[in-house]
C-alpha cells in the first residue's frame, strides 16, 4: 500500500460533488469508476475506500470483490441493509448518518399534515373543478394535541421529534433499549395503543424486519396513522393492507415491500393511503450533505481516528 489513500467514487453527474470534496483532502487520491461497469482497471483495483452511488446503490455490488486492499465501504445512505451482505468480513462499513435527518424529517411532517388536512381529496376535487367546502372526504384534523410515536431514535428520529412540539404535538421516541427520554422497543405493544401516529424510521435489521406486524397494527387506535420512511420490510404489508381495506387505519409510505410497488399491487387501491416513491431524502442539497459526511469519515480514516459512522457487523 502507498502513503496515499485511494478512494473510488462514482463518475456519474450527481457524484461530482463527492469527487470535489474528497479530492480536497490531503493524503487522498480520488479515482472515479463506472457503477454500471463489470470490471475495474488495474489503477481502480488499488483503492482502499469504495463509495457506491446513492441512486441504484446495488449496481456495483460485484466490483467490491475486485478490491484486494479494501478497508472501507462508505455509503451515502442511512441504511446499510442492502450492502451489509456484500462487504467482506474485516472491511469496515459506514453510513451517512446525519445527512438525511433534515430532508426525511421534513417528509415525515409533510406526510402527517397531508393526511390530516386531506390534501389528496382536495386535489381530486380540484381536478374536477369542484369547490370542496364541507364535501365528503374533507373532514380536516389538526396535528395539535396529537401523540406521535417515533420508532427509531437516531438522527432522523430525533429530528422528527424536534419538529412536532411547535405544532402542539407530543413526540415519544423508541430505541432498541430504554434510556433517558427514549423508550425501549420491548414496550412497543403497549405504546402503540396510546398514540395517534406511529412513525417508522429505524434501520432494517433481523430484529426490526416485520416489527410492525399484525399484532402491533391491531393494537393501534381506530383512525391512527402509520408513517413509514424506514424500510418496507419493517412493516407486514399484508397485515397493513387488511387494516387499510377495513378503513380502520391510515398510512403514508415512502418505502414499501415489495419495492418498487408493482402496478397491480393491492396497496395502490387502499383507502386512506398516500405513497411516495422512496423519495423522502430527494431534495436539492442532499447529495452535498451525504458527501460531506463521507468526507469526514475518509478524513478520520487518514488520521487513524475512529469512524463515528461505522456500523457494527
Protein backbone atom coordinates (compact mmCIF):
# COMPACT_ATOMS: atom_id res chain seq x y z
CA UNK A 1 0.00 0.00 0.00
CA UNK A 2 1.18 3.55 -0.71
CA UNK A 3 1.03 6.51 1.68
CA UNK A 4 -1.84 7.87 -0.38
CA UNK A 5 -5.34 6.63 0.40
CA UNK A 6 -7.07 5.85 -2.88
CA UNK A 7 -10.82 6.36 -2.90
CA UNK A 8 -13.21 5.12 -5.59
CA UNK A 9 -16.11 7.50 -6.34
CA UNK A 10 -18.84 7.09 -8.96
CA UNK A 11 -18.29 9.06 -12.17
CA UNK A 12 -21.97 10.00 -12.53
CA UNK A 13 -23.04 13.64 -12.58
CA UNK A 14 -24.67 13.67 -9.15
CA UNK A 15 -21.46 12.31 -7.62
CA UNK A 16 -19.21 15.08 -8.89
CA UNK A 17 -19.72 16.93 -5.63
CA UNK A 18 -18.10 13.95 -3.92
CA UNK A 19 -15.19 13.95 -6.34
CA UNK A 20 -14.63 17.62 -5.49
CA UNK A 21 -14.97 17.33 -1.70
CA UNK A 22 -12.89 14.19 -1.31
CA UNK A 23 -10.30 15.48 -3.77
CA UNK A 24 -9.52 18.36 -1.40
CA UNK A 25 -8.42 16.03 1.41
CA UNK A 26 -4.66 15.81 1.95
CA UNK A 27 -3.31 12.31 1.56
CA UNK A 28 -6.27 11.21 -0.58
CA UNK A 29 -6.35 10.32 -4.28
CA UNK A 30 -9.82 10.17 -5.83
CA UNK A 31 -10.30 7.68 -8.66
CA UNK A 32 -13.63 7.64 -10.47
CA UNK A 33 -15.37 4.47 -11.69
CA UNK A 34 -18.47 3.48 -13.63
CA UNK A 35 -21.04 1.95 -11.24
CA UNK A 36 -22.59 0.15 -14.21
CA UNK A 37 -19.30 -1.47 -15.24
CA UNK A 38 -18.47 -5.14 -14.86
CA UNK A 39 -14.81 -4.75 -14.01
CA UNK A 40 -12.24 -2.34 -12.62
CA UNK A 41 -8.97 -1.20 -14.15
CA UNK A 42 -5.63 -2.01 -12.54
CA UNK A 43 -5.48 1.52 -11.08
CA UNK A 44 -9.02 1.28 -9.68
CA UNK A 45 -8.23 -2.08 -8.06
CA UNK A 46 -5.64 -0.38 -5.80
CA UNK A 47 -8.35 1.59 -3.95
CA UNK A 48 -8.81 1.10 -0.21
CA UNK A 49 -12.09 3.00 0.08
CA UNK A 50 -15.18 2.39 -2.05
CA UNK A 51 -18.19 4.72 -2.30
CA UNK A 52 -21.28 3.32 -4.02
CA UNK A 53 -23.59 5.93 -5.55
CA UNK A 54 -26.82 6.70 -3.71
CA UNK A 55 -29.06 6.14 -6.74
CA UNK A 56 -29.06 2.48 -7.67
CA UNK A 57 -26.66 1.71 -4.85
CA UNK A 58 -26.81 -2.00 -5.60
CA UNK A 59 -25.37 -1.65 -9.12
CA UNK A 60 -21.68 -2.06 -8.17
CA UNK A 61 -22.07 -4.99 -5.74
CA UNK A 62 -19.76 -7.17 -7.84
CA UNK A 63 -16.98 -4.59 -8.01
CA UNK A 64 -16.22 -4.91 -4.30
CA UNK A 65 -14.79 -8.40 -4.89
CA UNK A 66 -12.17 -6.86 -7.18
CA UNK A 67 -10.60 -4.70 -4.45
CA UNK A 68 -7.92 -6.72 -2.60
CA UNK A 69 -6.80 -3.80 -0.41
CA UNK A 70 -10.31 -2.64 0.53
CA UNK A 71 -10.60 -1.19 4.05
CA UNK A 72 -13.85 0.77 3.98
CA UNK A 73 -17.15 0.84 2.10
CA UNK A 74 -18.66 4.26 2.76
CA UNK A 75 -22.36 4.51 1.90
CA UNK A 76 -24.33 7.66 1.14
CA UNK A 77 -27.48 6.19 2.68
CA UNK A 78 -28.56 6.00 6.31
CA UNK A 79 -29.42 2.30 5.98
CA UNK A 80 -26.84 -0.42 5.40
CA UNK A 81 -29.11 -3.46 4.95
CA UNK A 82 -28.61 -3.75 1.17
CA UNK A 83 -24.81 -3.58 1.35
CA UNK A 84 -24.04 -5.46 4.54
CA UNK A 85 -24.08 -8.95 2.91
CA UNK A 86 -21.77 -7.78 0.11
CA UNK A 87 -18.99 -6.29 2.23
CA UNK A 88 -16.26 -8.82 3.12
CA UNK A 89 -15.59 -9.56 6.77
CA UNK A 90 -12.78 -7.43 8.10
CA UNK A 91 -13.81 -4.47 5.92
CA UNK A 92 -15.46 -1.52 7.65
CA UNK A 93 -18.93 -0.44 6.55
CA UNK A 94 -20.08 3.11 7.33
CA UNK A 95 -23.28 5.01 6.58
CA UNK A 96 -24.13 8.67 6.06
CA UNK A 97 -25.97 9.02 9.36
CA UNK A 98 -26.96 12.64 9.95
CA UNK A 99 -27.05 13.74 6.32
CA UNK A 100 -30.66 12.64 5.78
CA UNK A 101 -32.15 13.96 9.00
CA UNK A 102 -33.37 17.29 7.63
CA UNK A 103 -34.96 16.12 4.35
CA UNK A 104 -36.53 12.93 5.75
CA UNK A 105 -37.91 14.56 8.91
CA UNK A 106 -39.46 17.23 6.67
CA UNK A 107 -41.10 14.47 4.59
CA UNK A 108 -42.50 12.82 7.73
CA UNK A 109 -44.05 16.08 8.89
CA UNK A 110 -45.46 16.74 5.40
CA UNK A 111 -46.96 13.23 5.27
CA UNK A 112 -48.75 13.74 8.59
CA UNK A 113 -50.07 17.16 7.63
CA UNK A 114 -51.07 15.98 4.13
CA UNK A 115 -53.16 13.23 5.70
CA UNK A 116 -54.71 15.38 8.40
CA UNK A 117 -55.56 18.29 6.09
CA UNK A 118 -56.95 15.93 3.41
CA UNK A 119 -54.82 17.18 0.53
CA UNK A 120 -55.33 14.03 -1.60
CA UNK A 121 -59.11 14.54 -1.53
CA UNK A 122 -58.78 18.27 -2.17
CA UNK A 123 -56.55 17.74 -5.20
CA UNK A 124 -59.01 15.22 -6.63
CA UNK A 125 -61.82 17.75 -6.20
CA UNK A 126 -59.63 20.38 -7.80
CA UNK A 127 -59.09 18.11 -10.81
CA UNK A 128 -62.89 18.14 -11.21
CA UNK A 129 -63.05 21.95 -10.78
CA UNK A 130 -65.09 21.44 -7.61
CA UNK A 131 -65.10 23.89 -4.67
CA UNK A 132 -64.85 21.25 -1.93
CA UNK A 133 -66.15 23.18 1.06
CA UNK A 134 -67.57 20.63 3.54
CA UNK A 135 -67.82 17.93 0.89
CA UNK A 136 -67.22 14.22 1.67
CA UNK A 137 -63.61 13.40 2.44
CA UNK A 138 -62.74 16.89 3.72
CA UNK A 139 -63.24 16.28 7.43
CA UNK A 140 -60.00 18.01 8.42
CA UNK A 141 -57.93 17.19 11.50
CA UNK A 142 -55.22 19.05 13.39
CA UNK A 143 -51.79 17.94 14.50
CA UNK A 144 -52.28 19.95 17.67
CA UNK A 145 -52.77 17.65 20.64
CA UNK A 146 -51.73 14.51 18.79
CA UNK A 147 -49.36 11.92 20.30
CA UNK A 148 -46.68 10.74 17.89
CA UNK A 149 -44.65 7.56 18.48
CA UNK A 150 -41.31 7.59 16.64
CA UNK A 151 -39.69 4.17 16.23
CA UNK A 152 -36.02 4.93 15.70
CA UNK A 153 -34.12 7.28 18.00
CA UNK A 154 -31.22 8.11 15.69
CA UNK A 155 -30.53 11.36 13.85
CA UNK A 156 -33.70 11.24 11.73
CA UNK A 157 -35.97 10.19 14.59
CA UNK A 158 -34.71 12.92 16.89
CA UNK A 159 -35.08 15.45 14.05
CA UNK A 160 -38.73 14.41 13.66
CA UNK A 161 -39.23 14.75 17.42
CA UNK A 162 -37.89 18.33 17.33
CA UNK A 163 -40.34 19.36 14.59
CA UNK A 164 -43.51 18.27 16.39
CA UNK A 165 -43.79 20.41 19.57
CA UNK A 166 -44.22 23.72 17.68
CA UNK A 167 -47.41 22.19 16.23
CA UNK A 168 -48.64 21.24 19.70
CA UNK A 169 -47.94 17.53 19.19
CA UNK A 170 -46.19 15.31 21.74
CA UNK A 171 -43.40 13.00 20.46
CA UNK A 172 -42.26 9.74 22.06
CA UNK A 173 -39.00 8.20 20.87
CA UNK A 174 -38.44 4.43 20.82
CA UNK A 175 -34.99 2.83 20.57
CA UNK A 176 -33.51 -0.64 20.85
CA UNK A 177 -33.10 -0.15 24.59
CA UNK A 178 -34.64 2.32 27.01
CA UNK A 179 -32.57 5.32 28.09
CA UNK A 180 -33.11 8.94 29.03
CA UNK A 181 -36.07 10.29 27.02
CA UNK A 182 -36.19 7.09 24.90
CA UNK A 183 -38.49 4.13 25.48
CA UNK A 184 -37.41 0.58 24.71
CA UNK A 185 -38.72 -1.36 21.72
CA UNK A 186 -39.95 -4.07 24.10
CA UNK A 187 -42.62 -1.56 25.22
CA UNK A 188 -43.99 -1.19 21.69
CA UNK A 189 -47.19 -3.29 22.10
CA UNK A 190 -48.37 -1.01 24.92
CA UNK A 191 -47.05 2.24 23.46
CA UNK A 192 -48.88 1.99 20.14
CA UNK A 193 -52.23 1.87 21.93
CA UNK A 194 -51.58 5.35 23.33
CA UNK A 195 -50.52 7.20 20.17
CA UNK A 196 -52.36 8.76 17.23
CA UNK A 197 -49.42 8.50 14.82
CA UNK A 198 -46.71 5.82 14.57
CA UNK A 199 -43.61 6.83 12.60
CA UNK A 200 -41.21 4.09 11.48
CA UNK A 201 -37.70 5.43 10.90
CA UNK A 202 -35.49 2.67 12.30
CA UNK A 203 -32.96 0.69 10.22
CA UNK A 204 -33.81 -2.70 8.77
CA UNK A 205 -32.10 -5.44 10.79
CA UNK A 206 -33.01 -9.03 11.66
CA UNK A 207 -34.63 -7.63 14.82
CA UNK A 208 -36.73 -4.99 13.03
CA UNK A 209 -37.85 -6.98 9.98
CA UNK A 210 -41.59 -7.48 10.41
CA UNK A 211 -41.57 -5.43 13.61
CA UNK A 212 -44.84 -3.74 12.67
CA UNK A 213 -46.84 -6.93 12.42
CA UNK A 214 -50.48 -7.94 12.68
CA UNK A 215 -50.46 -7.64 16.47
CA UNK A 216 -48.91 -4.17 16.52
CA UNK A 217 -51.20 -2.85 13.79
CA UNK A 218 -54.26 -4.26 15.55
CA UNK A 219 -53.19 -2.51 18.75
CA UNK A 220 -53.12 0.91 17.10
CA UNK A 221 -56.20 3.04 17.86
CA UNK A 222 -59.03 3.38 15.35
CA UNK A 223 -58.13 6.03 12.78
CA UNK A 224 -54.43 6.08 13.72
CA UNK A 225 -51.83 6.91 11.09
CA UNK A 226 -48.78 4.76 10.24
CA UNK A 227 -45.91 6.64 8.58
CA UNK A 228 -43.04 4.54 7.19
CA UNK A 229 -39.86 6.25 6.00
CA UNK A 230 -37.55 3.45 7.16
CA UNK A 231 -37.68 0.27 5.09
CA UNK A 232 -40.67 -1.52 3.61
CA UNK A 233 -39.86 -4.88 5.19
CA UNK A 234 -40.19 -3.47 8.69
CA UNK A 235 -43.97 -3.47 8.13
CA UNK A 236 -46.04 -6.57 7.37
CA UNK A 237 -47.56 -5.44 4.07
CA UNK A 238 -50.40 -7.99 4.01
CA UNK A 239 -51.46 -7.04 7.52
CA UNK A 240 -51.36 -3.34 6.63
CA UNK A 241 -53.47 -3.90 3.52
CA UNK A 242 -56.12 -5.59 5.67
CA UNK A 243 -56.22 -2.69 8.14
CA UNK A 244 -56.40 -0.10 5.36
CA UNK A 245 -59.05 -2.01 3.41
CA UNK A 246 -61.17 -2.10 6.56
CA UNK A 247 -60.62 1.67 6.87
CA UNK A 248 -59.53 1.20 10.48
CA UNK A 249 -56.05 2.68 9.98
CA UNK A 250 -54.42 5.15 7.59
CA UNK A 251 -50.88 5.16 6.24
CA UNK A 252 -48.25 7.27 4.49
CA UNK A 253 -45.44 5.25 2.92
CA UNK A 254 -42.17 6.32 1.34
CA UNK A 255 -40.96 2.71 1.33
CA UNK A 256 -42.83 -0.49 0.52
CA UNK A 257 -42.41 -4.25 0.38
CA UNK A 258 -42.01 -5.06 -2.46
CA UNK A 259 -40.24 -2.04 -3.93
CA UNK A 260 -40.83 -0.59 -6.44
CA UNK A 261 -44.50 -1.28 -5.80
CA UNK A 262 -45.94 -3.26 -8.76
CA UNK A 263 -48.77 -1.56 -10.65
CA UNK A 264 -51.22 -4.32 -9.71
CA UNK A 265 -50.37 -4.38 -6.00
CA UNK A 266 -53.41 -4.05 -3.68
CA UNK A 267 -51.77 -1.24 -1.71
CA UNK A 268 -52.42 1.19 -4.58
CA UNK A 269 -56.18 0.82 -4.14
CA UNK A 270 -56.29 1.04 -0.36
CA UNK A 271 -58.29 3.92 1.11
CA UNK A 272 -56.53 6.30 3.48
CA UNK A 273 -53.10 5.73 1.93
CA UNK A 274 -50.57 8.07 0.35
CA UNK A 275 -47.40 6.71 -1.28
CA UNK A 276 -44.21 8.41 -2.41
CA UNK A 277 -41.53 6.54 -4.42
CA UNK A 278 -38.72 6.26 -1.84
CA UNK A 279 -38.03 9.95 -2.33
CA UNK A 280 -38.12 11.35 1.21
CA UNK A 281 -34.48 12.44 1.02
CA UNK A 282 -34.58 13.55 -2.61
CA UNK A 283 -34.33 17.33 -2.38
CA UNK A 284 -31.65 19.75 -3.61
CA UNK A 285 -28.50 19.69 -1.49
CA UNK A 286 -28.87 16.20 -0.02
CA UNK A 287 -26.03 14.76 -2.11
CA UNK A 288 -23.80 17.55 -0.80
CA UNK A 289 -24.76 16.67 2.78
CA UNK A 290 -24.09 12.96 2.18
CA UNK A 291 -20.67 13.58 0.68
CA UNK A 292 -19.79 15.97 3.50
CA UNK A 293 -20.38 13.12 5.95
CA UNK A 294 -18.42 10.73 3.71
CA UNK A 295 -15.55 13.22 3.55
CA UNK A 296 -15.46 13.42 7.35
CA UNK A 297 -15.30 9.62 7.54
CA UNK A 298 -12.49 9.32 4.99
CA UNK A 299 -10.58 12.12 6.72
CA UNK A 300 -10.86 10.19 10.01
CA UNK A 301 -9.51 7.09 8.27
CA UNK A 302 -6.49 9.06 7.01
CA UNK A 303 -5.82 10.35 10.54
CA UNK A 304 -6.22 6.91 12.07
CA UNK A 305 -9.23 8.01 14.12
CA UNK A 306 -12.37 6.04 14.91
CA UNK A 307 -15.07 6.33 12.24
CA UNK A 308 -18.16 7.51 14.10
CA UNK A 309 -20.47 6.27 11.36
CA UNK A 310 -19.02 2.76 11.15
CA UNK A 311 -21.68 0.15 11.87
CA UNK A 312 -21.34 -2.98 13.96
CA UNK A 313 -21.16 -6.11 11.82
